Amino acid sequence: MRSLILCLAVSCGGTAANAEKTPPLEEGFTRIFDGKTLKGWEGNEKMFRVEDGAIVAGSLKQKIPNNEFLCSEKTYSNFDLRLQARLVGEGTNAGIQFRSKRIPNHHEVIGFQADIGVMRGDELIWGALYDESRRRKFLVVGDQDKLRKAVKTDGWNNFVIRCEGQRIRIYVNDLLVSDYTEKDKDIPASGIIGLQIHGGPPAEASYRNIRIKELPGK
């Protein structure tokens, strides 16, 4: 995983700022966000917009009425998903859905989430694995001491979400936070990818450099 983080920090012939925003595409990966539009995604466009090469959700000026998700139009099963995420504002929660689906006629989705933020005051949940709208609980929460060293709580953080068969791994800034094997064979092993802003106090969740490599099934 160290080579992944290094590739995010360099670029061919660009400035440092541009290198951080538009790293070279790794072999076998496809960008699923073009950096300019929401093409290939669906959701509440009053809550999601594109700014400076990132998908930005929420507002720093007003309360977020409820959870909102911008979802990929395509579904994925086995994959290596890589992106950068940032959360700022009073609100302290967001996340990246995967192997998920929308609940009909509702703002919520159901499925796995790689969490972002803080809970119960100071517990970091960056990279924690949460089961959204289904079991409604954390399946894995990372080691707090390691997370405090690895996470930039007010800056951009590199995520890798790797799903292979029943196994799910989530890395944040090269730290393996969650390593989980689903034992329930009835839990779907495919679905959409979704970007969340959590209902609550004013906050903005931003996502960029979103790319994916589909993997053979197990």
C-alpha atoms as a PDB file:
ATOM      1  CA  MET A   1       0.000   0.000   0.000  1.00  0.00           C
ATOM      2  CA  ARG A   2       2.968   2.369   0.463  1.00  0.00           C
ATOM      3  CA  SER A   3       3.350   2.694  -3.303  1.00  0.00           C
ATOM      4  CA  LEU A   4      -0.270   3.882  -3.495  1.00  0.00           C
ATOM      5  CA  ILE A   5       0.368   6.786  -1.121  1.00  0.00           C
ATOM      6  CA  LEU A   6       3.524   7.756  -2.966  1.00  0.00           C
ATOM      7  CA  CYS A   7       1.692   7.839  -6.275  1.00  0.00           C
ATOM      8  CA  LEU A   8      -0.847  10.250  -4.815  1.00  0.00           C
ATOM      9  CA  ALA A   9       1.891  12.695  -3.892  1.00  0.00           C
ATOM     10  CA  VAL A  10       3.651  12.986  -7.250  1.00  0.00           C
ATOM     11  CA  SER A  11       2.715  13.922 -10.785  1.00  0.00           C
ATOM     12  CA  CYS A  12       4.480  14.249 -14.078  1.00  0.00           C
ATOM     13  CA  GLY A  13       5.375  17.861 -14.780  1.00  0.00           C
ATOM     14  CA  GLY A  14       2.754  19.487 -12.517  1.00  0.00           C
ATOM     15  CA  THR A  15       2.800  21.733  -9.486  1.00  0.00           C
ATOM     16  CA  ALA A  16       2.508  20.255  -6.005  1.00  0.00           C
ATOM     17  CA  ALA A  17      -1.107  21.418  -5.757  1.00  0.00           C
ATOM     18  CA  ASN A  18      -2.029  19.904  -9.104  1.00  0.00           C
ATOM     19  CA  ALA A  19      -0.226  16.695  -8.236  1.00  0.00           C
ATOM     20  CA  GLU A  20      -2.379  16.278  -5.164  1.00  0.00           C
ATOM     21  CA  LYS A  21      -5.597  16.833  -7.097  1.00  0.00           C
ATOM     22  CA  THR A  22      -4.885  14.907 -10.300  1.00  0.00           C
ATOM     23  CA  PRO A  23      -2.437  12.078  -9.716  1.00  0.00           C
ATOM     24  CA  PRO A  24      -1.633   9.745 -12.602  1.00  0.00           C
ATOM     25  CA  LEU A  25      -4.130   6.944 -13.023  1.00  0.00           C
ATOM     26  CA  GLU A  26      -2.849   3.616 -11.758  1.00  0.00           C
ATOM     27  CA  GLU A  27      -2.778   0.663 -14.144  1.00  0.00           C
ATOM     28  CA  GLY A  28      -6.141  -1.048 -14.483  1.00  0.00           C
ATOM     29  CA  PHE A  29      -8.103   1.772 -12.811  1.00  0.00           C
ATOM     30  CA  THR A  30     -10.959   3.836 -14.259  1.00  0.00           C
ATOM     31  CA  ARG A  31     -12.029   7.266 -13.054  1.00  0.00           C
ATOM     32  CA  ILE A  32     -15.688   7.278 -12.016  1.00  0.00           C
ATOM     33  CA  PHE A  33     -15.758  11.037 -11.353  1.00  0.00           C
ATOM     34  CA  ASP A  34     -14.562  13.286 -14.162  1.00  0.00           C
ATOM     35  CA  GLY A  35     -13.659  16.174 -11.842  1.00  0.00           C
ATOM     36  CA  LYS A  36     -16.069  18.550 -13.577  1.00  0.00           C
ATOM     37  CA  THR A  37     -19.607  17.158 -13.582  1.00  0.00           C
ATOM     38  CA  LEU A  38     -21.826  14.650 -11.766  1.00  0.00           C
ATOM     39  CA  LYS A  39     -22.101  12.484 -14.878  1.00  0.00           C
ATOM     40  CA  GLY A  40     -22.487   8.850 -13.854  1.00  0.00           C
ATOM     41  CA  TRP A  41     -23.935   9.785 -10.454  1.00  0.00           C
ATOM     42  CA  GLU A  42     -27.453  10.440  -9.192  1.00  0.00           C
ATOM     43  CA  GLY A  43     -28.749  12.209  -6.093  1.00  0.00           C
ATOM     44  CA  ASN A  44     -29.982  15.473  -4.645  1.00  0.00           C
ATOM     45  CA  GLU A  45     -28.095  18.081  -6.670  1.00  0.00           C
ATOM     46  CA  LYS A  46     -29.203  20.769  -4.238  1.00  0.00           C
ATOM     47  CA  MET A  47     -26.980  19.043  -1.710  1.00  0.00           C
ATOM     48  CA  PHE A  48     -24.136  17.867  -4.002  1.00  0.00           C
ATOM     49  CA  ARG A  49     -22.052  19.990  -6.352  1.00  0.00           C
ATOM     50  CA  VAL A  50     -18.647  20.065  -8.032  1.00  0.00           C
ATOM     51  CA  GLU A  51     -16.095  22.591  -6.786  1.00  0.00           C
ATOM     52  CA  ASP A  52     -12.381  22.772  -7.595  1.00  0.00           C
ATOM     53  CA  GLY A  53     -12.246  19.214  -8.909  1.00  0.00           C
ATOM     54  CA  ALA A  54     -14.125  17.644  -5.990  1.00  0.00           C
ATOM     55  CA  ILE A  55     -17.658  16.516  -5.227  1.00  0.00           C
ATOM     56  CA  VAL A  56     -18.766  18.670  -2.295  1.00  0.00           C
ATOM     57  CA  ALA A  57     -21.777  17.752  -0.168  1.00  0.00           C
ATOM     58  CA  GLY A  58     -23.605  19.815   2.426  1.00  0.00           C
ATOM     59  CA  SER A  59     -23.235  23.380   3.639  1.00  0.00           C
ATOM     60  CA  LEU A  60     -21.208  25.286   6.201  1.00  0.00           C
ATOM     61  CA  LYS A  61     -23.997  27.838   6.590  1.00  0.00           C
ATOM     62  CA  GLN A  62     -27.046  25.762   7.448  1.00  0.00           C
ATOM     63  CA  LYS A  63     -28.084  22.548   9.141  1.00  0.00           C
ATOM     64  CA  ILE A  64     -28.201  19.379   7.036  1.00  0.00           C
ATOM     65  CA  PRO A  65     -31.869  18.248   7.191  1.00  0.00           C
ATOM     66  CA  ASN A  66     -31.164  14.523   6.827  1.00  0.00           C
ATOM     67  CA  ASN A  67     -28.640  12.045   5.488  1.00  0.00           C
ATOM     68  CA  GLU A  68     -28.055  12.506   1.774  1.00  0.00           C
ATOM     69  CA  PHE A  69     -26.223  10.234  -0.671  1.00  0.00           C
ATOM     70  CA  LEU A  70     -24.872  10.756  -4.157  1.00  0.00           C
ATOM     71  CA  CYS A  71     -24.830   7.309  -5.749  1.00  0.00           C
ATOM     72  CA  SER A  72     -23.067   5.772  -8.721  1.00  0.00           C
ATOM     73  CA  GLU A  73     -25.342   4.719 -11.556  1.00  0.00           C
ATOM     74  CA  LYS A  74     -23.281   1.561 -11.957  1.00  0.00           C
ATOM     75  CA  THR A  75     -23.077  -1.294  -9.467  1.00  0.00           C
ATOM     76  CA  TYR A  76     -19.881  -3.052  -8.421  1.00  0.00           C
ATOM     77  CA  SER A  77     -19.050  -6.317  -6.680  1.00  0.00           C
ATOM     78  CA  ASN A  78     -15.334  -7.084  -6.312  1.00  0.00           C
ATOM     79  CA  PHE A  79     -13.134  -4.029  -6.594  1.00  0.00           C
ATOM     80  CA  ASP A  80     -10.347  -1.790  -5.376  1.00  0.00           C
ATOM     81  CA  LEU A  81     -11.826   1.704  -4.843  1.00  0.00           C
ATOM     82  CA  ARG A  82      -9.490   4.637  -4.206  1.00  0.00           C
ATOM     83  CA  LEU A  83     -10.313   8.260  -3.432  1.00  0.00           C
ATOM     84  CA  GLN A  84      -9.553  11.193  -1.182  1.00  0.00           C
ATOM     85  CA  ALA A  85     -12.026  12.564   1.362  1.00  0.00           C
ATOM     86  CA  ARG A  86     -12.248  15.576   3.657  1.00  0.00           C
ATOM     87  CA  LEU A  87     -14.786  16.677   6.291  1.00  0.00           C
ATOM     88  CA  VAL A  88     -15.012  20.212   7.694  1.00  0.00           C
ATOM     89  CA  GLY A  89     -17.546  22.153   9.762  1.00  0.00           C
ATOM     90  CA  GLU A  90     -19.554  21.587  12.912  1.00  0.00           C
ATOM     91  CA  GLY A  91     -20.917  18.261  11.693  1.00  0.00           C
ATOM     92  CA  THR A  92     -18.618  15.332  12.376  1.00  0.00           C
ATOM     93  CA  ASN A  93     -19.913  12.490  10.224  1.00  0.00           C
ATOM     94  CA  ALA A  94     -19.872  11.380   6.593  1.00  0.00           C
ATOM     95  CA  GLY A  95     -18.988   8.211   4.737  1.00  0.00           C
ATOM     96  CA  ILE A  96     -18.490   6.182   1.585  1.00  0.00           C
ATOM     97  CA  GLN A  97     -21.145   3.584   0.818  1.00  0.00           C
ATOM     98  CA  PHE A  98     -20.372   0.438  -1.150  1.00  0.00           C
ATOM     99  CA  ARG A  99     -22.198  -2.775  -1.978  1.00  0.00           C
ATOM    100  CA  SER A 100     -25.279  -0.701  -1.188  1.00  0.00           C
ATOM    101  CA  LYS A 101     -28.651   0.224  -2.683  1.00  0.00           C
ATOM    102  CA  ARG A 102     -31.183   3.004  -2.294  1.00  0.00           C
ATOM    103  CA  ILE A 103     -34.236   2.414  -0.142  1.00  0.00           C
ATOM    104  CA  PRO A 104     -37.239   3.093  -2.422  1.00  0.00           C
ATOM    105  CA  ASN A 105     -38.996   6.418  -1.837  1.00  0.00           C
ATOM    106  CA  HIS A 106     -36.556   7.357   0.904  1.00  0.00           C
ATOM    107  CA  HIS A 107     -33.410   9.450   1.298  1.00  0.00           C
ATOM    108  CA  GLU A 108     -31.509   6.574   2.929  1.00  0.00           C
ATOM    109  CA  VAL A 109     -29.470   3.744   1.447  1.00  0.00           C
ATOM    110  CA  ILE A 110     -28.750   0.303   2.830  1.00  0.00           C
ATOM    111  CA  GLY A 111     -25.363  -1.397   2.817  1.00  0.00           C
ATOM    112  CA  PHE A 112     -21.768  -1.110   3.926  1.00  0.00           C
ATOM    113  CA  GLN A 113     -20.135   2.228   4.710  1.00  0.00           C
ATOM    114  CA  ALA A 114     -16.527   3.283   5.204  1.00  0.00           C
ATOM    115  CA  ASP A 115     -17.079   5.910   7.861  1.00  0.00           C
ATOM    116  CA  ILE A 116     -15.583   9.383   8.174  1.00  0.00           C
ATOM    117  CA  GLY A 117     -15.469  11.576  11.254  1.00  0.00           C
ATOM    118  CA  VAL A 118     -15.851  11.452  15.015  1.00  0.00           C
ATOM    119  CA  MET A 119     -18.440  10.062  17.426  1.00  0.00           C
ATOM    120  CA  ARG A 120     -19.071  10.345  21.169  1.00  0.00           C
ATOM    121  CA  GLY A 121     -16.944  13.455  21.367  1.00  0.00           C
ATOM    122  CA  ASP A 122     -13.498  12.251  20.405  1.00  0.00           C
ATOM    123  CA  GLU A 123     -13.641   8.685  19.057  1.00  0.00           C
ATOM    124  CA  LEU A 124     -12.290   8.652  15.502  1.00  0.00           C
ATOM    125  CA  ILE A 125     -14.341   6.584  13.087  1.00  0.00           C
ATOM    126  CA  TRP A 126     -12.288   7.251   9.969  1.00  0.00           C
ATOM    127  CA  GLY A 127     -12.138   3.956   8.080  1.00  0.00           C
ATOM    128  CA  ALA A 128     -14.537   2.188  10.440  1.00  0.00           C
ATOM    129  CA  LEU A 129     -16.921  -0.278   8.774  1.00  0.00           C
ATOM    130  CA  TYR A 130     -20.587   0.546   9.454  1.00  0.00           C
ATOM    131  CA  ASP A 131     -23.691  -1.329   8.290  1.00  0.00           C
ATOM    132  CA  GLU A 132     -26.048   1.458   7.191  1.00  0.00           C
ATOM    133  CA  SER A 133     -29.835   0.962   7.601  1.00  0.00           C
ATOM    134  CA  ARG A 134     -29.444  -2.819   7.986  1.00  0.00           C
ATOM    135  CA  ARG A 135     -27.773  -3.969  11.201  1.00  0.00           C
ATOM    136  CA  ARG A 136     -27.208  -0.274  12.066  1.00  0.00           C
ATOM    137  CA  LYS A 137     -23.966  -0.880  13.888  1.00  0.00           C
ATOM    138  CA  PHE A 138     -20.212  -0.634  13.521  1.00  0.00           C
ATOM    139  CA  LEU A 139     -18.712  -3.933  12.413  1.00  0.00           C
ATOM    140  CA  VAL A 140     -15.147  -2.672  12.894  1.00  0.00           C
ATOM    141  CA  VAL A 141     -13.708   0.470  14.530  1.00  0.00           C
ATOM    142  CA  GLY A 142     -10.011   1.203  14.169  1.00  0.00           C
ATOM    143  CA  ASP A 143      -7.298   1.476  16.799  1.00  0.00           C
ATOM    144  CA  GLN A 144      -7.553   5.004  18.198  1.00  0.00           C
ATOM    145  CA  ASP A 145      -3.859   5.596  18.806  1.00  0.00           C
ATOM    146  CA  LYS A 146      -2.949   4.545  15.266  1.00  0.00           C
ATOM    147  CA  LEU A 147      -5.775   6.614  13.780  1.00  0.00           C
ATOM    148  CA  ARG A 148      -4.717   9.764  15.624  1.00  0.00           C
ATOM    149  CA  LYS A 149      -1.273   9.432  14.101  1.00  0.00           C
ATOM    150  CA  ALA A 150      -2.539   8.659  10.588  1.00  0.00           C
ATOM    151  CA  VAL A 151      -5.608  10.859  10.029  1.00  0.00           C
ATOM    152  CA  LYS A 152      -5.681  14.527   9.079  1.00  0.00           C
ATOM    153  CA  THR A 153      -8.961  15.421  10.756  1.00  0.00           C
ATOM    154  CA  ASP A 154      -9.343  18.714   8.877  1.00  0.00           C
ATOM    155  CA  GLY A 155      -7.507  17.768   5.659  1.00  0.00           C
ATOM    156  CA  TRP A 156      -7.596  15.341   2.756  1.00  0.00           C
ATOM    157  CA  ASN A 157      -7.210  11.663   3.551  1.00  0.00           C
ATOM    158  CA  ASN A 158      -6.527   8.779   1.175  1.00  0.00           C
ATOM    159  CA  PHE A 159      -9.021   5.903   1.229  1.00  0.00           C
ATOM    160  CA  VAL A 160      -8.673   2.445  -0.245  1.00  0.00           C
ATOM    161  CA  ILE A 161     -11.707   0.150  -0.049  1.00  0.00           C
ATOM    162  CA  ARG A 162     -10.999  -3.353  -1.285  1.00  0.00           C
ATOM    163  CA  CYS A 163     -13.772  -5.937  -1.603  1.00  0.00           C
ATOM    164  CA  GLU A 164     -12.933  -9.502  -2.603  1.00  0.00           C
ATOM    165  CA  GLY A 165     -15.638 -12.064  -2.065  1.00  0.00           C
ATOM    166  CA  GLN A 166     -16.749 -11.888   1.556  1.00  0.00           C
ATOM    167  CA  ARG A 167     -13.649  -9.999   2.682  1.00  0.00           C
ATOM    168  CA  ILE A 168     -13.661  -6.189   3.044  1.00  0.00           C
ATOM    169  CA  ARG A 169     -10.590  -4.103   3.819  1.00  0.00           C
ATOM    170  CA  ILE A 170     -10.500  -0.344   4.391  1.00  0.00           C
ATOM    171  CA  TYR A 171      -7.254   1.644   4.487  1.00  0.00           C
ATOM    172  CA  VAL A 172      -6.861   5.312   5.468  1.00  0.00           C
ATOM    173  CA  ASN A 173      -3.522   6.944   4.639  1.00  0.00           C
ATOM    174  CA  ASP A 174      -1.883   3.531   4.293  1.00  0.00           C
ATOM    175  CA  LEU A 175      -3.242   2.348   7.657  1.00  0.00           C
ATOM    176  CA  LEU A 176      -5.350  -0.810   7.556  1.00  0.00           C
ATOM    177  CA  VAL A 177      -8.314   0.233   9.704  1.00  0.00           C
ATOM    178  CA  SER A 178     -10.909  -2.454   8.946  1.00  0.00           C
ATOM    179  CA  ASP A 179     -10.407  -6.062   7.893  1.00  0.00           C
ATOM    180  CA  TYR A 180     -13.736  -7.846   7.960  1.00  0.00           C
ATOM    181  CA  THR A 181     -15.104 -11.076   6.536  1.00  0.00           C
ATOM    182  CA  GLU A 182     -18.885 -11.241   6.160  1.00  0.00           C
ATOM    183  CA  LYS A 183     -20.252 -14.552   7.384  1.00  0.00           C
ATOM    184  CA  ASP A 184     -23.880 -13.960   6.375  1.00  0.00           C
ATOM    185  CA  LYS A 185     -24.226 -15.292   2.827  1.00  0.00           C
ATOM    186  CA  ASP A 186     -27.521 -13.423   2.432  1.00  0.00           C
ATOM    187  CA  ILE A 187     -25.807 -10.025   2.629  1.00  0.00           C
ATOM    188  CA  PRO A 188     -25.477  -8.737  -0.977  1.00  0.00           C
ATOM    189  CA  ALA A 189     -21.935  -8.744  -2.328  1.00  0.00           C
ATOM    190  CA  SER A 190     -22.620  -6.091  -4.963  1.00  0.00           C
ATOM    191  CA  GLY A 191     -24.241  -2.675  -5.191  1.00  0.00           C
ATOM    192  CA  ILE A 192     -23.724   1.014  -5.786  1.00  0.00           C
ATOM    193  CA  ILE A 193     -21.045   3.313  -4.429  1.00  0.00           C
ATOM    194  CA  GLY A 194     -22.404   6.309  -2.526  1.00  0.00           C
ATOM    195  CA  LEU A 195     -20.967   9.500  -1.066  1.00  0.00           C
ATOM    196  CA  GLN A 196     -22.643  10.678   2.149  1.00  0.00           C
ATOM    197  CA  ILE A 197     -23.206  13.881   4.035  1.00  0.00           C
ATOM    198  CA  HIS A 198     -24.746  13.153   7.423  1.00  0.00           C
ATOM    199  CA  GLY A 199     -27.809  14.986   8.699  1.00  0.00           C
ATOM    200  CA  GLY A 200     -27.088  17.410  11.515  1.00  0.00           C
ATOM    201  CA  PRO A 201     -25.014  20.544  12.128  1.00  0.00           C
ATOM    202  CA  PRO A 202     -23.510  22.465   9.179  1.00  0.00           C
ATOM    203  CA  ALA A 203     -20.715  20.551   7.466  1.00  0.00           C
ATOM    204  CA  GLU A 204     -19.141  19.877   4.110  1.00  0.00           C
ATOM    205  CA  ALA A 205     -17.886  16.480   2.999  1.00  0.00           C
ATOM    206  CA  SER A 206     -15.675  16.524  -0.091  1.00  0.00           C
ATOM    207  CA  TYR A 207     -14.552  13.653  -2.310  1.00  0.00           C
ATOM    208  CA  ARG A 208     -12.076  13.650  -5.188  1.00  0.00           C
ATOM    209  CA  ASN A 209      -9.728  11.478  -7.282  1.00  0.00           C
ATOM    210  CA  ILE A 210     -12.363   8.722  -7.336  1.00  0.00           C
ATOM    211  CA  ARG A 211     -11.234   5.711  -9.309  1.00  0.00           C
ATOM    212  CA  ILE A 212     -11.879   1.996  -9.289  1.00  0.00           C
ATOM    213  CA  LYS A 213     -10.416  -1.261 -10.503  1.00  0.00           C
ATOM    214  CA  GLU A 214     -12.824  -4.140 -10.812  1.00  0.00           C
ATOM    215  CA  LEU A 215     -11.436  -7.442  -9.577  1.00  0.00           C
ATOM    216  CA  PRO A 216     -12.234 -11.049 -10.529  1.00  0.00           C
ATOM    217  CA  GLY A 217     -14.982 -12.650  -8.470  1.00  0.00           C
ATOM    218  CA  LYS A 218     -14.259 -15.169  -5.755  1.00  0.00           C
END
